[in-house]
Amino acid sequence: MTQNIKITMLGTTGAGKTCYILGLYSTMQLGLQGFSLSCQDMDDDLRLTEQWEQLVFAEEGEDRWPSATGNEPHNYVFDFNYALKHMMGFEWLDYRGGAMSDSQTESDVKILTTHLVESSCVFLCISGELLKQKLTESQLNIIARRAGVTRMNSYLAKLAQAKQPTNENPYPVVITITKYDQCFHRNKDEILEDIKNIFRIFFQPNSGWLTMICPVSLGKELAENKNTGEIEPKNMHLPLVFAIYCGYSNQLRQQENIAKSNRDNLNSLREGNFLDRWFNSEQIKSLEGTLYNNQEQIEGLKKQMRFLSQELTNANLYLSGTEMQLDV
C-alpha cells in the first residue's frame, strides 16, 4: 500500500500558485493520458470547479481571475488515479503569497513551514513575465529577488537540514515556469540557462537536488490579453507526474533497505549449524515470507515508476546540475 505524499509550492503573490492548482485540477478531472485527479473532500471539488468555471466561462475582464488566497491556508487532499484506479494520494497547501515573506510569528507562516519540511517534493514558482528577455548578469540578481528566490532559499535551507539530500538519496524540486505564454517567444535553451543561473543552488556538484524545469501555461493567447485570451492549459500535469514518480522512488528505496535487512538476517540464520537451523526454523520461514512480500512490493513500485516515466521522456531533469534521464 503506497503512502500519501505532501507537495508544497513556493512563490510570491501573483506568481500563479492558485491558478496552477486550478489548471492542474481542471485538466485532470476528465483524465489526461488516462491519469486523473479527484478531491477526497467533495466540497473542495466544488470550490475548485466553481473557480475554474468562473475563469473559463465568466464574462471577459479582471473578474475572471480568482481573488488572492485569504489569510487562512487551505489544505487540499487529492487522489492521483489511472483509469480511475487509485495510485497515490497527496496533500497540497494553498496559501497567500505574502506568507512566504512574513514574520515567522504569523500562524499561516508556521503552517507553511511545517508543511514544507514534511513535503516529499517542492514546486518553486517563477512567472514567465520575468523571463521575457535574455537576462544579463546584473539583471539575474534583480529578477531572482523579484521572484522571491532569496526568501525561498531561506525556507529551503530548513528543508535541506531536515532531508539531507545526497546523490544517492536526492530530494526532488520542480522549478515551475508559470505564465510561460509570456516568454514563449524566446529560445528554450536560453530560458533554461537563465533558470539555472537564477536558481544556482540546485545545480551545484554533489548537492543532492533532483531538479525538473517545467514550463506551464493556462493558454498562449493570454500573452496578448489575459482578460480575453482563450484558456487552454499546457503541461500542467507534468510537475505532478514527476512528484508522484519521486514518491514511488522514495518508497522503493525504503523497501529495498528493508529487503536488504531481512535478507541479511535470513542468511545469518541459514548459516548456523543443523541444530541452530532447526531451532530457528519458524523464524526462517517467517523471514522467507516477509522477503517474498518485500520483493513483490519492490516489483510493483518499479512497474508504477516505469509507467510514469513514459510521461517524462522529454522532461528537463538534472541531478546535482548534471542533465539526466529517469531510470528505474
Protein backbone atom coordinates (compact mmCIF):
# COMPACT_ATOMS: atom_id res chain seq x y z
CA MET A 1 0.00 0.00 0.00
CA THR A 2 1.53 3.30 -1.09
CA GLN A 3 1.80 6.21 1.32
CA ASN A 4 0.36 9.67 0.75
CA ILE A 5 2.85 12.43 -0.03
CA LYS A 6 2.85 16.18 0.57
CA ILE A 7 3.68 18.80 -2.05
CA THR A 8 4.43 22.46 -1.35
CA MET A 9 4.58 25.23 -3.97
CA LEU A 10 6.66 28.28 -3.03
CA GLY A 11 6.02 31.53 -4.85
CA THR A 12 5.32 35.20 -4.33
CA THR A 13 1.97 36.96 -4.65
CA GLY A 14 0.84 36.93 -8.28
CA ALA A 15 3.25 34.16 -9.33
CA GLY A 16 0.34 31.89 -10.28
CA LYS A 17 0.14 29.33 -7.45
CA THR A 18 -3.66 29.31 -7.19
CA CYS A 19 -4.12 29.39 -10.97
CA TYR A 20 -1.73 26.45 -11.25
CA ILE A 21 -3.75 24.22 -8.94
CA LEU A 22 -6.95 25.28 -10.73
CA GLY A 23 -5.44 24.46 -14.12
CA LEU A 24 -4.00 21.20 -12.87
CA TYR A 25 -7.26 20.02 -11.33
CA SER A 26 -9.45 21.04 -14.26
CA THR A 27 -7.07 19.46 -16.77
CA MET A 28 -7.06 16.16 -14.92
CA GLN A 29 -10.68 15.96 -13.76
CA LEU A 30 -11.73 14.37 -17.05
CA GLY A 31 -8.48 12.45 -17.44
CA LEU A 32 -5.27 13.10 -19.35
CA GLN A 33 -3.46 10.16 -20.94
CA GLY A 34 -5.57 8.02 -18.60
CA PHE A 35 -4.41 9.91 -15.47
CA SER A 36 -6.94 11.82 -13.40
CA LEU A 37 -7.32 13.72 -10.13
CA SER A 38 -10.15 13.67 -7.64
CA CYS A 39 -10.63 15.54 -4.37
CA GLN A 40 -11.15 13.43 -1.28
CA ASP A 41 -13.41 16.22 0.05
CA MET A 42 -16.34 16.89 -2.31
CA ASP A 43 -16.61 20.48 -1.00
CA ASP A 44 -13.06 21.05 -2.26
CA ASP A 45 -14.10 19.64 -5.64
CA LEU A 46 -16.98 22.13 -5.74
CA ARG A 47 -14.74 25.03 -4.72
CA LEU A 48 -12.12 24.32 -7.40
CA THR A 49 -14.69 23.59 -10.10
CA GLU A 50 -16.57 26.84 -9.45
CA GLN A 51 -13.36 28.89 -9.58
CA TRP A 52 -12.34 27.20 -12.83
CA GLU A 53 -15.71 27.77 -14.46
CA GLN A 54 -15.52 31.42 -13.42
CA LEU A 55 -12.14 31.63 -15.14
CA VAL A 56 -13.27 29.94 -18.35
CA PHE A 57 -16.92 30.90 -18.77
CA ALA A 58 -17.30 34.24 -16.97
CA GLU A 59 -17.60 37.47 -18.87
CA GLU A 60 -14.25 38.75 -20.08
CA GLY A 61 -12.28 41.02 -17.77
CA GLU A 62 -10.38 41.05 -14.50
CA ASP A 63 -13.27 39.27 -12.75
CA ARG A 64 -12.39 36.02 -14.49
CA TRP A 65 -9.28 35.60 -12.30
CA PRO A 66 -9.50 34.12 -8.79
CA SER A 67 -9.05 36.52 -5.90
CA ALA A 68 -5.91 36.27 -3.80
CA THR A 69 -5.85 33.45 -1.26
CA GLY A 70 -7.09 34.65 2.16
CA ASN A 71 -5.18 34.63 5.41
CA GLU A 72 -6.25 31.08 6.24
CA PRO A 73 -4.30 28.44 4.26
CA HIS A 74 -6.35 25.62 2.79
CA ASN A 75 -5.07 22.05 2.61
CA TYR A 76 -6.40 20.04 -0.35
CA VAL A 77 -6.17 16.25 -0.35
CA PHE A 78 -6.23 14.64 -3.79
CA ASP A 79 -6.18 11.13 -5.23
CA PHE A 80 -3.95 10.61 -8.25
CA ASN A 81 -5.53 7.89 -10.39
CA TYR A 82 -5.02 5.92 -13.57
CA ALA A 83 -8.17 4.70 -15.34
CA LEU A 84 -9.94 5.88 -12.16
CA LYS A 85 -7.90 3.41 -10.08
CA HIS A 86 -6.08 4.96 -7.13
CA MET A 87 -2.29 5.19 -7.46
CA MET A 88 -1.27 7.67 -4.74
CA GLY A 89 -2.79 10.39 -2.58
CA PHE A 90 -1.19 13.76 -2.00
CA GLU A 91 -1.75 16.90 0.04
CA TRP A 92 -1.44 20.40 -1.42
CA LEU A 93 -1.36 23.60 0.65
CA ASP A 94 -2.87 26.76 -0.87
CA TYR A 95 -1.77 29.88 1.00
CA ARG A 96 -1.40 33.62 0.44
CA GLY A 97 1.78 34.54 -1.40
CA GLY A 98 2.64 37.16 1.21
CA ALA A 99 3.04 34.44 3.82
CA MET A 100 6.40 33.50 2.33
CA SER A 101 7.86 36.91 3.25
CA ASP A 102 6.07 37.47 6.56
CA SER A 103 7.34 37.04 10.09
CA GLN A 104 7.61 33.50 11.46
CA THR A 105 5.19 34.52 14.21
CA GLU A 106 2.27 34.62 11.75
CA SER A 107 0.10 31.48 12.05
CA ASP A 108 -0.08 30.78 8.30
CA VAL A 109 3.71 31.11 8.06
CA LYS A 110 4.07 28.42 10.72
CA ILE A 111 1.64 26.18 8.81
CA LEU A 112 3.60 26.75 5.57
CA THR A 113 6.94 25.97 7.25
CA THR A 114 5.64 22.74 8.80
CA HIS A 115 4.03 21.60 5.54
CA LEU A 116 7.25 22.36 3.62
CA VAL A 117 9.54 20.39 5.94
CA GLU A 118 7.16 17.41 5.75
CA SER A 119 6.86 17.59 1.94
CA SER A 120 8.09 14.90 -0.44
CA CYS A 121 8.53 17.38 -3.31
CA VAL A 122 8.64 21.17 -3.66
CA PHE A 123 7.46 23.25 -6.62
CA LEU A 124 9.15 26.63 -6.99
CA CYS A 125 7.05 29.11 -8.90
CA ILE A 126 8.59 31.76 -11.20
CA SER A 127 6.44 33.79 -13.59
CA GLY A 128 7.27 33.89 -17.29
CA GLU A 129 6.60 37.62 -17.04
CA LEU A 130 10.09 37.90 -15.51
CA LEU A 131 11.72 35.98 -18.37
CA LYS A 132 10.57 37.93 -21.41
CA GLN A 133 14.15 38.69 -22.48
CA LYS A 134 17.59 37.21 -22.01
CA LEU A 135 18.97 38.25 -18.65
CA THR A 136 22.33 39.90 -18.11
CA GLU A 137 24.36 39.09 -15.00
CA SER A 138 23.14 42.22 -13.23
CA GLN A 139 19.53 41.52 -14.23
CA LEU A 140 19.72 37.97 -12.86
CA ASN A 141 20.04 39.20 -9.27
CA ILE A 142 17.18 41.66 -9.72
CA ILE A 143 14.88 39.04 -11.23
CA ALA A 144 15.83 36.49 -8.55
CA ARG A 145 14.77 38.95 -5.86
CA ARG A 146 11.54 39.85 -7.66
CA ALA A 147 10.72 36.14 -7.91
CA GLY A 148 11.31 35.75 -4.17
CA VAL A 149 14.24 33.37 -4.65
CA THR A 150 16.20 34.75 -1.69
CA ARG A 151 13.26 34.08 0.60
CA MET A 152 12.68 30.67 -1.00
CA ASN A 153 16.30 29.80 -0.18
CA SER A 154 15.71 30.63 3.49
CA TYR A 155 12.83 28.15 3.58
CA LEU A 156 14.73 25.58 1.55
CA ALA A 157 17.65 25.72 3.98
CA LYS A 158 15.27 24.36 6.65
CA LEU A 159 14.16 21.67 4.21
CA ALA A 160 17.75 20.68 3.38
CA GLN A 161 18.57 20.42 7.07
CA ALA A 162 15.60 18.10 7.59
CA LYS A 163 16.05 15.95 4.45
CA GLN A 164 19.85 15.94 3.98
CA PRO A 165 19.70 15.29 0.19
CA THR A 166 22.51 13.30 -1.46
CA ASN A 167 23.08 11.96 -4.96
CA GLU A 168 22.14 8.51 -3.66
CA ASN A 169 19.03 9.81 -1.92
CA PRO A 170 18.15 13.04 -3.78
CA TYR A 171 15.36 15.45 -2.96
CA PRO A 172 13.05 16.40 -5.86
CA VAL A 173 12.33 20.02 -6.82
CA VAL A 174 10.27 21.34 -9.73
CA ILE A 175 11.09 24.83 -10.98
CA THR A 176 7.71 25.67 -12.50
CA ILE A 177 7.72 28.49 -15.05
CA THR A 178 4.14 29.71 -14.78
CA LYS A 179 2.62 32.03 -17.41
CA TYR A 180 5.04 30.54 -19.95
CA ASP A 181 2.98 32.23 -22.66
CA GLN A 182 4.73 35.45 -21.57
CA CYS A 183 8.17 34.20 -22.63
CA PHE A 184 7.21 31.55 -25.21
CA HIS A 185 8.82 33.64 -27.99
CA ARG A 186 12.30 33.10 -26.53
CA ASN A 187 14.74 30.30 -27.31
CA LYS A 188 14.06 27.44 -24.89
CA ASP A 189 17.75 26.74 -24.19
CA GLU A 190 18.29 30.39 -23.27
CA ILE A 191 15.41 30.25 -20.81
CA LEU A 192 16.80 27.06 -19.26
CA GLU A 193 20.17 28.78 -18.84
CA ASP A 194 18.54 31.78 -17.15
CA ILE A 195 16.65 29.48 -14.78
CA LYS A 196 19.85 27.63 -13.84
CA ASN A 197 21.52 30.96 -13.06
CA ILE A 198 18.57 32.24 -11.01
CA PHE A 199 18.35 29.01 -9.00
CA ARG A 200 22.08 28.27 -8.81
CA ILE A 201 21.91 26.33 -5.56
CA PHE A 202 20.19 23.35 -7.21
CA PHE A 203 22.81 22.91 -9.92
CA GLN A 204 25.94 22.50 -7.78
CA PRO A 205 28.00 19.27 -7.92
CA ASN A 206 27.04 16.67 -5.29
CA SER A 207 24.29 18.90 -3.94
CA GLY A 208 21.71 16.09 -3.97
CA TRP A 209 18.89 18.07 -5.62
CA LEU A 210 16.92 16.29 -8.34
CA THR A 211 15.56 19.24 -10.31
CA MET A 212 12.96 19.42 -13.04
CA ILE A 213 12.46 22.63 -15.02
CA CYS A 214 8.95 22.68 -16.44
CA PRO A 215 7.08 25.45 -18.31
CA VAL A 216 3.31 25.59 -17.77
CA SER A 217 0.65 27.89 -19.16
CA LEU A 218 -3.10 28.42 -18.97
CA GLY A 219 -3.11 29.41 -22.64
CA LYS A 220 -0.78 31.04 -25.18
CA GLU A 221 -3.39 33.68 -26.11
CA LEU A 222 -3.13 35.12 -22.61
CA ALA A 223 0.18 36.71 -23.59
CA GLU A 224 -1.76 39.05 -25.87
CA ASN A 225 -4.61 39.78 -23.47
CA LYS A 226 -5.04 37.98 -20.16
CA ASN A 227 -8.65 39.11 -19.83
CA THR A 228 -9.86 37.92 -23.23
CA GLY A 229 -7.39 35.18 -24.24
CA GLU A 230 -8.61 31.61 -24.58
CA ILE A 231 -7.90 29.28 -21.67
CA GLU A 232 -6.02 26.24 -22.99
CA PRO A 233 -3.77 24.70 -20.29
CA LYS A 234 -0.42 23.18 -21.28
CA ASN A 235 1.94 20.89 -19.33
CA MET A 236 0.02 21.31 -16.06
CA HIS A 237 0.21 17.60 -15.19
CA LEU A 238 3.94 17.07 -15.75
CA PRO A 239 5.23 18.51 -12.42
CA LEU A 240 2.71 16.34 -10.57
CA VAL A 241 3.65 13.19 -12.50
CA PHE A 242 7.28 13.87 -11.57
CA ALA A 243 6.36 14.34 -7.89
CA ILE A 244 4.38 11.08 -7.85
CA TYR A 245 7.25 9.26 -9.60
CA CYS A 246 9.64 10.56 -6.92
CA GLY A 247 7.20 9.48 -4.23
CA TYR A 248 7.36 5.94 -5.58
CA SER A 249 11.15 6.20 -5.86
CA ASN A 250 11.44 7.14 -2.19
CA GLN A 251 9.20 4.23 -1.19
CA LEU A 252 11.27 1.93 -3.40
CA ARG A 253 14.46 2.90 -1.53
CA GLN A 254 12.72 2.21 1.77
CA GLN A 255 11.53 -1.22 0.61
CA GLU A 256 14.96 -2.11 -0.77
CA ASN A 257 16.57 -1.21 2.57
CA ILE A 258 14.00 -3.33 4.43
CA ALA A 259 14.56 -6.21 1.99
CA LYS A 260 18.34 -5.99 2.45
CA SER A 261 17.98 -6.10 6.23
CA ASN A 262 15.63 -9.10 6.02
CA ARG A 263 17.93 -10.85 3.54
CA ASP A 264 20.96 -10.33 5.81
CA ASN A 265 19.05 -11.67 8.81
CA LEU A 266 17.85 -14.67 6.81
CA ASN A 267 21.34 -15.50 5.54
CA SER A 268 22.69 -15.23 9.07
CA LEU A 269 20.10 -17.73 10.34
CA ARG A 270 20.74 -20.11 7.45
CA GLU A 271 24.49 -20.15 8.13
CA GLY A 272 24.04 -21.79 11.52
CA ASN A 273 24.59 -25.50 12.16
CA PHE A 274 21.82 -28.07 11.82
CA LEU A 275 20.55 -27.59 15.38
CA ASP A 276 20.53 -23.81 15.05
CA ARG A 277 18.61 -24.00 11.77
CA TRP A 278 16.13 -26.45 13.29
CA PHE A 279 15.70 -24.26 16.38
CA ASN A 280 15.17 -21.14 14.19
CA SER A 281 13.08 -22.86 11.52
CA GLU A 282 9.91 -20.87 12.27
CA GLN A 283 11.82 -17.58 12.19
CA ILE A 284 13.49 -18.59 8.92
CA LYS A 285 10.13 -19.47 7.39
CA SER A 286 8.64 -16.16 8.55
CA LEU A 287 11.54 -14.17 7.13
CA GLU A 288 11.29 -16.02 3.81
CA GLY A 289 7.62 -15.00 3.57
CA THR A 290 8.41 -11.39 4.55
CA LEU A 291 11.20 -11.20 1.98
CA TYR A 292 8.87 -12.55 -0.71
CA ASN A 293 6.37 -9.82 0.14
CA ASN A 294 9.17 -7.23 0.06
CA GLN A 295 10.14 -8.32 -3.44
CA GLU A 296 6.53 -8.18 -4.61
CA GLN A 297 6.21 -4.61 -3.34
CA ILE A 298 9.53 -3.67 -4.94
CA GLU A 299 8.45 -5.02 -8.32
CA GLY A 300 5.09 -3.27 -8.01
CA LEU A 301 6.77 0.07 -7.28
CA LYS A 302 9.17 -0.37 -10.20
CA LYS A 303 6.26 -1.13 -12.51
CA GLN A 304 4.49 2.09 -11.49
CA MET A 305 7.71 4.10 -11.91
CA ARG A 306 8.34 2.72 -15.41
CA PHE A 307 4.76 3.58 -16.31
CA LEU A 308 5.03 7.17 -15.06
CA SER A 309 8.47 7.75 -16.58
CA GLN A 310 6.95 7.42 -20.06
CA GLU A 311 5.21 10.77 -19.47
CA LEU A 312 8.54 12.39 -18.56
CA THR A 313 10.62 11.29 -21.54
CA ASN A 314 11.18 14.86 -22.74
CA ALA A 315 11.45 16.48 -19.32
CA ASN A 316 14.44 18.70 -18.46
CA LEU A 317 15.90 16.90 -15.44
CA TYR A 318 19.14 17.49 -13.54
CA LEU A 319 20.81 15.68 -10.66
CA SER A 320 23.24 18.00 -8.89
CA GLY A 321 23.43 20.06 -12.06
CA THR A 322 24.06 17.18 -14.46
CA GLU A 323 21.35 16.55 -17.05
CA MET A 324 19.84 13.09 -16.78
CA GLN A 325 17.02 10.75 -17.78
CA LEU A 326 14.83 8.93 -15.29
CA ASP A 327 15.87 5.36 -14.60
CA VAL A 328 14.20 2.63 -12.54
